[in-house]
Amino acid sequence: MRSNLWDVVVAFDLARTGFRRIQLNFLYAYGYNALAIPIAAGALWPLTHALMPPWVAALAMALSSVSVVSSSLALRLYRPPKMPTA
């Protein structure tokens, strides 16, 4: 730890950025599940008389996980705010 007060500002900014990313990932996962689970359960059966094969459901779930992980990896691009000069 350093005795620089600006590090507190950076810590708060990083926490805020991480929390926003968590909220975005939750939105991705919730949106996917709200849409894909009823389709995988057969919600389209009355209209199309077709069911989703299990491998398609598994692939869709894997792609959902990839999108959330990719979104989380975007935190690697975080740049701390610059300290203002007086």
PDB file of N, CA and C in Angstrom:
ATOM      1  N   MET A   1       0.828  -1.175   0.000  1.00  0.00           N
ATOM      2  CA  MET A   1       0.000   0.000   0.000  1.00  0.00           C
ATOM      3  C   MET A   1       0.876   1.242   0.000  1.00  0.00           C
ATOM      4  N   ARG A   2       0.360   2.222  -0.684  1.00  0.00           N
ATOM      5  CA  ARG A   2       1.064   3.504  -0.729  1.00  0.00           C
ATOM      6  C   ARG A   2       0.262   4.539   0.047  1.00  0.00           C
ATOM      7  N   SER A   3       0.888   5.607   0.371  1.00  0.00           N
ATOM      8  CA  SER A   3       0.198   6.651   1.130  1.00  0.00           C
ATOM      9  C   SER A   3      -0.329   7.744   0.196  1.00  0.00           C
ATOM     10  N   ASN A   4      -0.802   7.344  -0.967  1.00  0.00           N
ATOM     11  CA  ASN A   4      -1.314   8.284  -1.943  1.00  0.00           C
ATOM     12  C   ASN A   4      -2.840   8.259  -1.880  1.00  0.00           C
ATOM     13  N   LEU A   5      -3.440   9.388  -1.597  1.00  0.00           N
ATOM     14  CA  LEU A   5      -4.888   9.466  -1.475  1.00  0.00           C
ATOM     15  C   LEU A   5      -5.588   9.182  -2.805  1.00  0.00           C
ATOM     16  N   TRP A   6      -4.926   9.413  -3.917  1.00  0.00           N
ATOM     17  CA  TRP A   6      -5.525   9.179  -5.236  1.00  0.00           C
ATOM     18  C   TRP A   6      -5.846   7.699  -5.443  1.00  0.00           C
ATOM     19  N   ASP A   7      -5.110   6.798  -4.751  1.00  0.00           N
ATOM     20  CA  ASP A   7      -5.374   5.364  -4.874  1.00  0.00           C
ATOM     21  C   ASP A   7      -6.769   5.000  -4.373  1.00  0.00           C
ATOM     22  N   VAL A   8      -7.294   5.770  -3.435  1.00  0.00           N
ATOM     23  CA  VAL A   8      -8.658   5.551  -2.942  1.00  0.00           C
ATOM     24  C   VAL A   8      -9.654   5.872  -4.056  1.00  0.00           C
ATOM     25  N   VAL A   9      -9.416   6.952  -4.778  1.00  0.00           N
ATOM     26  CA  VAL A   9     -10.286   7.329  -5.901  1.00  0.00           C
ATOM     27  C   VAL A   9     -10.252   6.241  -6.974  1.00  0.00           C
ATOM     28  N   VAL A  10      -9.063   5.725  -7.262  1.00  0.00           N
ATOM     29  CA  VAL A  10      -8.925   4.667  -8.265  1.00  0.00           C
ATOM     30  C   VAL A  10      -9.643   3.407  -7.798  1.00  0.00           C
ATOM     31  N   ALA A  11      -9.537   3.073  -6.504  1.00  0.00           N
ATOM     32  CA  ALA A  11     -10.209   1.879  -5.975  1.00  0.00           C
ATOM     33  C   ALA A  11     -11.724   2.006  -6.111  1.00  0.00           C
ATOM     34  N   PHE A  12     -12.270   3.173  -5.802  1.00  0.00           N
ATOM     35  CA  PHE A  12     -13.706   3.383  -5.958  1.00  0.00           C
ATOM     36  C   PHE A  12     -14.124   3.300  -7.422  1.00  0.00           C
ATOM     37  N   ASP A  13     -13.328   3.858  -8.297  1.00  0.00           N
ATOM     38  CA  ASP A  13     -13.646   3.813  -9.726  1.00  0.00           C
ATOM     39  C   ASP A  13     -13.612   2.378 -10.248  1.00  0.00           C
ATOM     40  N   LEU A  14     -12.626   1.612  -9.824  1.00  0.00           N
ATOM     41  CA  LEU A  14     -12.536   0.214 -10.242  1.00  0.00           C
ATOM     42  C   LEU A  14     -13.717  -0.596  -9.702  1.00  0.00           C
ATOM     43  N   ALA A  15     -14.103  -0.348  -8.458  1.00  0.00           N
ATOM     44  CA  ALA A  15     -15.255  -1.045  -7.881  1.00  0.00           C
ATOM     45  C   ALA A  15     -16.534  -0.707  -8.648  1.00  0.00           C
ATOM     46  N   ARG A  16     -16.701   0.572  -8.992  1.00  0.00           N
ATOM     47  CA  ARG A  16     -17.886   0.994  -9.744  1.00  0.00           C
ATOM     48  C   ARG A  16     -17.912   0.343 -11.132  1.00  0.00           C
ATOM     49  N   THR A  17     -16.756   0.294 -11.775  1.00  0.00           N
ATOM     50  CA  THR A  17     -16.660  -0.318 -13.104  1.00  0.00           C
ATOM     51  C   THR A  17     -16.944  -1.819 -13.023  1.00  0.00           C
ATOM     52  N   GLY A  18     -16.395  -2.479 -12.022  1.00  0.00           N
ATOM     53  CA  GLY A  18     -16.647  -3.912 -11.852  1.00  0.00           C
ATOM     54  C   GLY A  18     -18.110  -4.197 -11.572  1.00  0.00           C
ATOM     55  N   PHE A  19     -18.747  -3.374 -10.754  1.00  0.00           N
ATOM     56  CA  PHE A  19     -20.156  -3.586 -10.451  1.00  0.00           C
ATOM     57  C   PHE A  19     -21.028  -3.382 -11.688  1.00  0.00           C
ATOM     58  N   ARG A  20     -20.693  -2.374 -12.503  1.00  0.00           N
ATOM     59  CA  ARG A  20     -21.438  -2.173 -13.753  1.00  0.00           C
ATOM     60  C   ARG A  20     -21.308  -3.385 -14.669  1.00  0.00           C
ATOM     61  N   ARG A  21     -20.109  -3.977 -14.704  1.00  0.00           N
ATOM     62  CA  ARG A  21     -19.887  -5.160 -15.543  1.00  0.00           C
ATOM     63  C   ARG A  21     -20.698  -6.344 -15.018  1.00  0.00           C
ATOM     64  N   ILE A  22     -20.777  -6.486 -13.692  1.00  0.00           N
ATOM     65  CA  ILE A  22     -21.589  -7.550 -13.092  1.00  0.00           C
ATOM     66  C   ILE A  22     -23.048  -7.369 -13.480  1.00  0.00           C
ATOM     67  N   GLN A  23     -23.539  -6.137 -13.419  1.00  0.00           N
ATOM     68  CA  GLN A  23     -24.929  -5.876 -13.804  1.00  0.00           C
ATOM     69  C   GLN A  23     -25.171  -6.196 -15.276  1.00  0.00           C
ATOM     70  N   LEU A  24     -24.226  -5.841 -16.128  1.00  0.00           N
ATOM     71  CA  LEU A  24     -24.355  -6.131 -17.550  1.00  0.00           C
ATOM     72  C   LEU A  24     -24.353  -7.641 -17.804  1.00  0.00           C
ATOM     73  N   ASN A  25     -23.474  -8.366 -17.117  1.00  0.00           N
ATOM     74  CA  ASN A  25     -23.440  -9.818 -17.269  1.00  0.00           C
ATOM     75  C   ASN A  25     -24.744 -10.451 -16.788  1.00  0.00           C
ATOM     76  N   PHE A  26     -25.293  -9.922 -15.704  1.00  0.00           N
ATOM     77  CA  PHE A  26     -26.579 -10.419 -15.217  1.00  0.00           C
ATOM     78  C   PHE A  26     -27.671 -10.183 -16.253  1.00  0.00           C
ATOM     79  N   LEU A  27     -27.635  -9.014 -16.878  1.00  0.00           N
ATOM     80  CA  LEU A  27     -28.622  -8.708 -17.914  1.00  0.00           C
ATOM     81  C   LEU A  27     -28.490  -9.662 -19.096  1.00  0.00           C
ATOM     82  N   TYR A  28     -27.246  -9.949 -19.519  1.00  0.00           N
ATOM     83  CA  TYR A  28     -27.027 -10.919 -20.599  1.00  0.00           C
ATOM     84  C   TYR A  28     -27.616 -12.278 -20.233  1.00  0.00           C
ATOM     85  N   ALA A  29     -27.255 -12.766 -19.048  1.00  0.00           N
ATOM     86  CA  ALA A  29     -27.692 -14.100 -18.632  1.00  0.00           C
ATOM     87  C   ALA A  29     -29.207 -14.155 -18.454  1.00  0.00           C
ATOM     88  N   TYR A  30     -29.779 -13.135 -17.851  1.00  0.00           N
ATOM     89  CA  TYR A  30     -31.219 -13.113 -17.642  1.00  0.00           C
ATOM     90  C   TYR A  30     -31.968 -13.064 -18.976  1.00  0.00           C
ATOM     91  N   GLY A  31     -31.518 -12.210 -19.874  1.00  0.00           N
ATOM     92  CA  GLY A  31     -32.164 -12.114 -21.188  1.00  0.00           C
ATOM     93  C   GLY A  31     -32.087 -13.411 -21.953  1.00  0.00           C
ATOM     94  N   TYR A  32     -30.921 -14.046 -21.912  1.00  0.00           N
ATOM     95  CA  TYR A  32     -30.779 -15.325 -22.600  1.00  0.00           C
ATOM     96  C   TYR A  32     -31.733 -16.357 -22.011  1.00  0.00           C
ATOM     97  N   ASN A  33     -31.716 -16.486 -20.687  1.00  0.00           N
ATOM     98  CA  ASN A  33     -32.548 -17.505 -20.055  1.00  0.00           C
ATOM     99  C   ASN A  33     -34.030 -17.226 -20.233  1.00  0.00           C
ATOM    100  N   ALA A  34     -34.423 -15.962 -20.200  1.00  0.00           N
ATOM    101  CA  ALA A  34     -35.832 -15.627 -20.392  1.00  0.00           C
ATOM    102  C   ALA A  34     -36.304 -15.989 -21.797  1.00  0.00           C
ATOM    103  N   LEU A  35     -35.397 -15.949 -22.749  1.00  0.00           N
ATOM    104  CA  LEU A  35     -35.762 -16.260 -24.132  1.00  0.00           C
ATOM    105  C   LEU A  35     -35.553 -17.739 -24.468  1.00  0.00           C
ATOM    106  N   ALA A  36     -34.412 -18.277 -24.087  1.00  0.00           N
ATOM    107  CA  ALA A  36     -34.034 -19.617 -24.555  1.00  0.00           C
ATOM    108  C   ALA A  36     -34.695 -20.761 -23.786  1.00  0.00           C
ATOM    109  N   ILE A  37     -34.931 -20.612 -22.498  1.00  0.00           N
ATOM    110  CA  ILE A  37     -35.507 -21.721 -21.737  1.00  0.00           C
ATOM    111  C   ILE A  37     -36.910 -22.076 -22.228  1.00  0.00           C
ATOM    112  N   PRO A  38     -37.803 -21.113 -22.451  1.00  0.00           N
ATOM    113  CA  PRO A  38     -39.113 -21.508 -22.984  1.00  0.00           C
ATOM    114  C   PRO A  38     -39.023 -22.156 -24.375  1.00  0.00           C
ATOM    115  N   ILE A  39     -38.104 -21.673 -25.202  1.00  0.00           N
ATOM    116  CA  ILE A  39     -37.954 -22.284 -26.528  1.00  0.00           C
ATOM    117  C   ILE A  39     -37.447 -23.712 -26.402  1.00  0.00           C
ATOM    118  N   ALA A  40     -36.463 -23.922 -25.527  1.00  0.00           N
ATOM    119  CA  ALA A  40     -35.928 -25.269 -25.326  1.00  0.00           C
ATOM    120  C   ALA A  40     -36.970 -26.186 -24.700  1.00  0.00           C
ATOM    121  N   ALA A  41     -37.886 -25.625 -23.921  1.00  0.00           N
ATOM    122  CA  ALA A  41     -38.922 -26.438 -23.279  1.00  0.00           C
ATOM    123  C   ALA A  41     -40.057 -26.783 -24.240  1.00  0.00           C
ATOM    124  N   GLY A  42     -40.073 -26.195 -25.414  1.00  0.00           N
ATOM    125  CA  GLY A  42     -41.085 -26.552 -26.402  1.00  0.00           C
ATOM    126  C   GLY A  42     -42.158 -25.510 -26.605  1.00  0.00           C
ATOM    127  N   ALA A  43     -41.887 -24.260 -26.309  1.00  0.00           N
ATOM    128  CA  ALA A  43     -42.894 -23.213 -26.470  1.00  0.00           C
ATOM    129  C   ALA A  43     -43.289 -23.013 -27.927  1.00  0.00           C
ATOM    130  N   LEU A  44     -42.426 -23.394 -28.854  1.00  0.00           N
ATOM    131  CA  LEU A  44     -42.749 -23.231 -30.276  1.00  0.00           C
ATOM    132  C   LEU A  44     -43.491 -24.434 -30.849  1.00  0.00           C
ATOM    133  N   TRP A  45     -43.678 -25.467 -30.054  1.00  0.00           N
ATOM    134  CA  TRP A  45     -44.335 -26.682 -30.545  1.00  0.00           C
ATOM    135  C   TRP A  45     -45.732 -26.406 -31.109  1.00  0.00           C
ATOM    136  N   PRO A  46     -46.590 -25.633 -30.439  1.00  0.00           N
ATOM    137  CA  PRO A  46     -47.934 -25.406 -30.990  1.00  0.00           C
ATOM    138  C   PRO A  46     -47.916 -24.693 -32.352  1.00  0.00           C
ATOM    139  N   LEU A  47     -46.906 -23.878 -32.604  1.00  0.00           N
ATOM    140  CA  LEU A  47     -46.855 -23.120 -33.856  1.00  0.00           C
ATOM    141  C   LEU A  47     -46.161 -23.880 -34.979  1.00  0.00           C
ATOM    142  N   THR A  48     -45.053 -24.531 -34.670  1.00  0.00           N
ATOM    143  CA  THR A  48     -44.223 -25.123 -35.721  1.00  0.00           C
ATOM    144  C   THR A  48     -44.149 -26.646 -35.680  1.00  0.00           C
ATOM    145  N   HIS A  49     -44.623 -27.249 -34.620  1.00  0.00           N
ATOM    146  CA  HIS A  49     -44.504 -28.706 -34.408  1.00  0.00           C
ATOM    147  C   HIS A  49     -43.051 -29.160 -34.541  1.00  0.00           C
ATOM    148  N   ALA A  50     -42.153 -28.344 -34.050  1.00  0.00           N
ATOM    149  CA  ALA A  50     -40.732 -28.679 -34.058  1.00  0.00           C
ATOM    150  C   ALA A  50     -40.178 -28.448 -32.656  1.00  0.00           C
ATOM    151  N   LEU A  51     -39.301 -29.341 -32.254  1.00  0.00           N
ATOM    152  CA  LEU A  51     -38.635 -29.212 -30.971  1.00  0.00           C
ATOM    153  C   LEU A  51     -37.158 -28.914 -31.193  1.00  0.00           C
ATOM    154  N   MET A  52     -36.548 -28.247 -30.241  1.00  0.00           N
ATOM    155  CA  MET A  52     -35.129 -27.946 -30.328  1.00  0.00           C
ATOM    156  C   MET A  52     -34.336 -29.190 -29.925  1.00  0.00           C
ATOM    157  N   PRO A  53     -33.432 -29.638 -30.792  1.00  0.00           N
ATOM    158  CA  PRO A  53     -32.605 -30.790 -30.411  1.00  0.00           C
ATOM    159  C   PRO A  53     -31.714 -30.435 -29.212  1.00  0.00           C
ATOM    160  N   PRO A  54     -31.397 -31.426 -28.395  1.00  0.00           N
ATOM    161  CA  PRO A  54     -30.582 -31.144 -27.208  1.00  0.00           C
ATOM    162  C   PRO A  54     -29.220 -30.529 -27.539  1.00  0.00           C
ATOM    163  N   TRP A  55     -28.612 -30.906 -28.652  1.00  0.00           N
ATOM    164  CA  TRP A  55     -27.294 -30.362 -28.979  1.00  0.00           C
ATOM    165  C   TRP A  55     -27.381 -28.876 -29.310  1.00  0.00           C
ATOM    166  N   VAL A  56     -28.494 -28.438 -29.861  1.00  0.00           N
ATOM    167  CA  VAL A  56     -28.663 -27.011 -30.159  1.00  0.00           C
ATOM    168  C   VAL A  56     -28.823 -26.231 -28.849  1.00  0.00           C
ATOM    169  N   ALA A  57     -29.573 -26.797 -27.907  1.00  0.00           N
ATOM    170  CA  ALA A  57     -29.735 -26.150 -26.610  1.00  0.00           C
ATOM    171  C   ALA A  57     -28.388 -26.066 -25.880  1.00  0.00           C
ATOM    172  N   ALA A  58     -27.596 -27.127 -25.961  1.00  0.00           N
ATOM    173  CA  ALA A  58     -26.278 -27.123 -25.322  1.00  0.00           C
ATOM    174  C   ALA A  58     -25.360 -26.096 -25.975  1.00  0.00           C
ATOM    175  N   LEU A  59     -25.406 -26.000 -27.289  1.00  0.00           N
ATOM    176  CA  LEU A  59     -24.587 -25.017 -27.991  1.00  0.00           C
ATOM    177  C   LEU A  59     -25.005 -23.591 -27.618  1.00  0.00           C
ATOM    178  N   ALA A  60     -26.299 -23.363 -27.530  1.00  0.00           N
ATOM    179  CA  ALA A  60     -26.791 -22.033 -27.157  1.00  0.00           C
ATOM    180  C   ALA A  60     -26.357 -21.683 -25.736  1.00  0.00           C
ATOM    181  N   MET A  61     -26.390 -22.662 -24.833  1.00  0.00           N
ATOM    182  CA  MET A  61     -25.953 -22.401 -23.464  1.00  0.00           C
ATOM    183  C   MET A  61     -24.460 -22.091 -23.419  1.00  0.00           C
ATOM    184  N   ALA A  62     -23.681 -22.815 -24.203  1.00  0.00           N
ATOM    185  CA  ALA A  62     -22.238 -22.559 -24.253  1.00  0.00           C
ATOM    186  C   ALA A  62     -21.960 -21.157 -24.813  1.00  0.00           C
ATOM    187  N   LEU A  63     -22.686 -20.766 -25.836  1.00  0.00           N
ATOM    188  CA  LEU A  63     -22.494 -19.429 -26.409  1.00  0.00           C
ATOM    189  C   LEU A  63     -22.894 -18.337 -25.419  1.00  0.00           C
ATOM    190  N   SER A  64     -23.901 -18.608 -24.599  1.00  0.00           N
ATOM    191  CA  SER A  64     -24.281 -17.655 -23.568  1.00  0.00           C
ATOM    192  C   SER A  64     -23.139 -17.484 -22.570  1.00  0.00           C
ATOM    193  N   SER A  65     -22.534 -18.584 -22.180  1.00  0.00           N
ATOM    194  CA  SER A  65     -21.408 -18.511 -21.244  1.00  0.00           C
ATOM    195  C   SER A  65     -20.225 -17.778 -21.864  1.00  0.00           C
ATOM    196  N   VAL A  66     -19.983 -18.010 -23.134  1.00  0.00           N
ATOM    197  CA  VAL A  66     -18.879 -17.330 -23.817  1.00  0.00           C
ATOM    198  C   VAL A  66     -19.122 -15.826 -23.845  1.00  0.00           C
ATOM    199  N   SER A  67     -20.357 -15.404 -24.068  1.00  0.00           N
ATOM    200  CA  SER A  67     -20.636 -13.966 -24.118  1.00  0.00           C
ATOM    201  C   SER A  67     -20.422 -13.318 -22.749  1.00  0.00           C
ATOM    202  N   VAL A  68     -20.799 -14.002 -21.673  1.00  0.00           N
ATOM    203  CA  VAL A  68     -20.607 -13.444 -20.332  1.00  0.00           C
ATOM    204  C   VAL A  68     -19.122 -13.395 -19.981  1.00  0.00           C
ATOM    205  N   VAL A  69     -18.379 -14.449 -20.308  1.00  0.00           N
ATOM    206  CA  VAL A  69     -16.946 -14.467 -20.022  1.00  0.00           C
ATOM    207  C   VAL A  69     -16.224 -13.405 -20.848  1.00  0.00           C
ATOM    208  N   SER A  70     -16.604 -13.259 -22.104  1.00  0.00           N
ATOM    209  CA  SER A  70     -15.986 -12.227 -22.943  1.00  0.00           C
ATOM    210  C   SER A  70     -16.260 -10.832 -22.390  1.00  0.00           C
ATOM    211  N   SER A  71     -17.462 -10.630 -21.907  1.00  0.00           N
ATOM    212  CA  SER A  71     -17.803  -9.350 -21.306  1.00  0.00           C
ATOM    213  C   SER A  71     -16.952  -9.102 -20.055  1.00  0.00           C
ATOM    214  N   SER A  72     -16.743 -10.142 -19.264  1.00  0.00           N
ATOM    215  CA  SER A  72     -15.922  -9.995 -18.064  1.00  0.00           C
ATOM    216  C   SER A  72     -14.463  -9.712 -18.416  1.00  0.00           C
ATOM    217  N   LEU A  73     -13.985 -10.319 -19.476  1.00  0.00           N
ATOM    218  CA  LEU A  73     -12.603 -10.093 -19.884  1.00  0.00           C
ATOM    219  C   LEU A  73     -12.371  -8.660 -20.349  1.00  0.00           C
ATOM    220  N   ALA A  74     -13.441  -7.966 -20.674  1.00  0.00           N
ATOM    221  CA  ALA A  74     -13.299  -6.565 -21.071  1.00  0.00           C
ATOM    222  C   ALA A  74     -12.786  -5.705 -19.921  1.00  0.00           C
ATOM    223  N   LEU A  75     -12.873  -6.197 -18.693  1.00  0.00           N
ATOM    224  CA  LEU A  75     -12.329  -5.453 -17.554  1.00  0.00           C
ATOM    225  C   LEU A  75     -10.810  -5.330 -17.643  1.00  0.00           C
ATOM    226  N   ARG A  76     -10.191  -6.175 -18.440  1.00  0.00           N
ATOM    227  CA  ARG A  76      -8.746  -6.057 -18.618  1.00  0.00           C
ATOM    228  C   ARG A  76      -8.386  -4.744 -19.309  1.00  0.00           C
ATOM    229  N   LEU A  77      -9.333  -4.135 -19.980  1.00  0.00           N
ATOM    230  CA  LEU A  77      -9.104  -2.873 -20.674  1.00  0.00           C
ATOM    231  C   LEU A  77      -9.265  -1.663 -19.748  1.00  0.00           C
ATOM    232  N   TYR A  78      -9.525  -1.919 -18.468  1.00  0.00           N
ATOM    233  CA  TYR A  78      -9.735  -0.829 -17.509  1.00  0.00           C
ATOM    234  C   TYR A  78      -8.493   0.043 -17.417  1.00  0.00           C
ATOM    235  N   ARG A  79      -8.724   1.336 -17.467  1.00  0.00           N
ATOM    236  CA  ARG A  79      -7.663   2.309 -17.278  1.00  0.00           C
ATOM    237  C   ARG A  79      -8.075   3.216 -16.123  1.00  0.00           C
ATOM    238  N   PRO A  80      -7.220   3.345 -15.131  1.00  0.00           N
ATOM    239  CA  PRO A  80      -7.585   4.208 -13.991  1.00  0.00           C
ATOM    240  C   PRO A  80      -7.698   5.663 -14.418  1.00  0.00           C
ATOM    241  N   PRO A  81      -8.518   6.420 -13.706  1.00  0.00           N
ATOM    242  CA  PRO A  81      -8.634   7.847 -14.041  1.00  0.00           C
ATOM    243  C   PRO A  81      -7.311   8.573 -13.773  1.00  0.00           C
ATOM    244  N   LYS A  82      -7.077   9.573 -14.544  1.00  0.00           N
ATOM    245  CA  LYS A  82      -5.855  10.367 -14.387  1.00  0.00           C
ATOM    246  C   LYS A  82      -5.994  11.319 -13.217  1.00  0.00           C
ATOM    247  N   MET A  83      -4.926  11.477 -12.481  1.00  0.00           N
ATOM    248  CA  MET A  83      -4.935  12.398 -11.356  1.00  0.00           C
ATOM    249  C   MET A  83      -4.890  13.826 -11.895  1.00  0.00           C
ATOM    250  N   PRO A  84      -5.817  14.654 -11.436  1.00  0.00           N
ATOM    251  CA  PRO A  84      -5.810  16.040 -11.928  1.00  0.00           C
ATOM    252  C   PRO A  84      -4.573  16.779 -11.423  1.00  0.00           C
ATOM    253  N   THR A  85      -4.090  17.622 -12.260  1.00  0.00           N
ATOM    254  CA  THR A  85      -2.922  18.420 -11.870  1.00  0.00           C
ATOM    255  C   THR A  85      -3.385  19.783 -11.406  1.00  0.00           C
ATOM    256  N   ALA A  86      -2.737  20.278 -10.412  1.00  0.00           N
ATOM    257  CA  ALA A  86      -3.154  21.568  -9.836  1.00  0.00           C
ATOM    258  C   ALA A  86      -2.447  22.726 -10.472  1.00  0.00           C
TER     259      ALA A  86
END
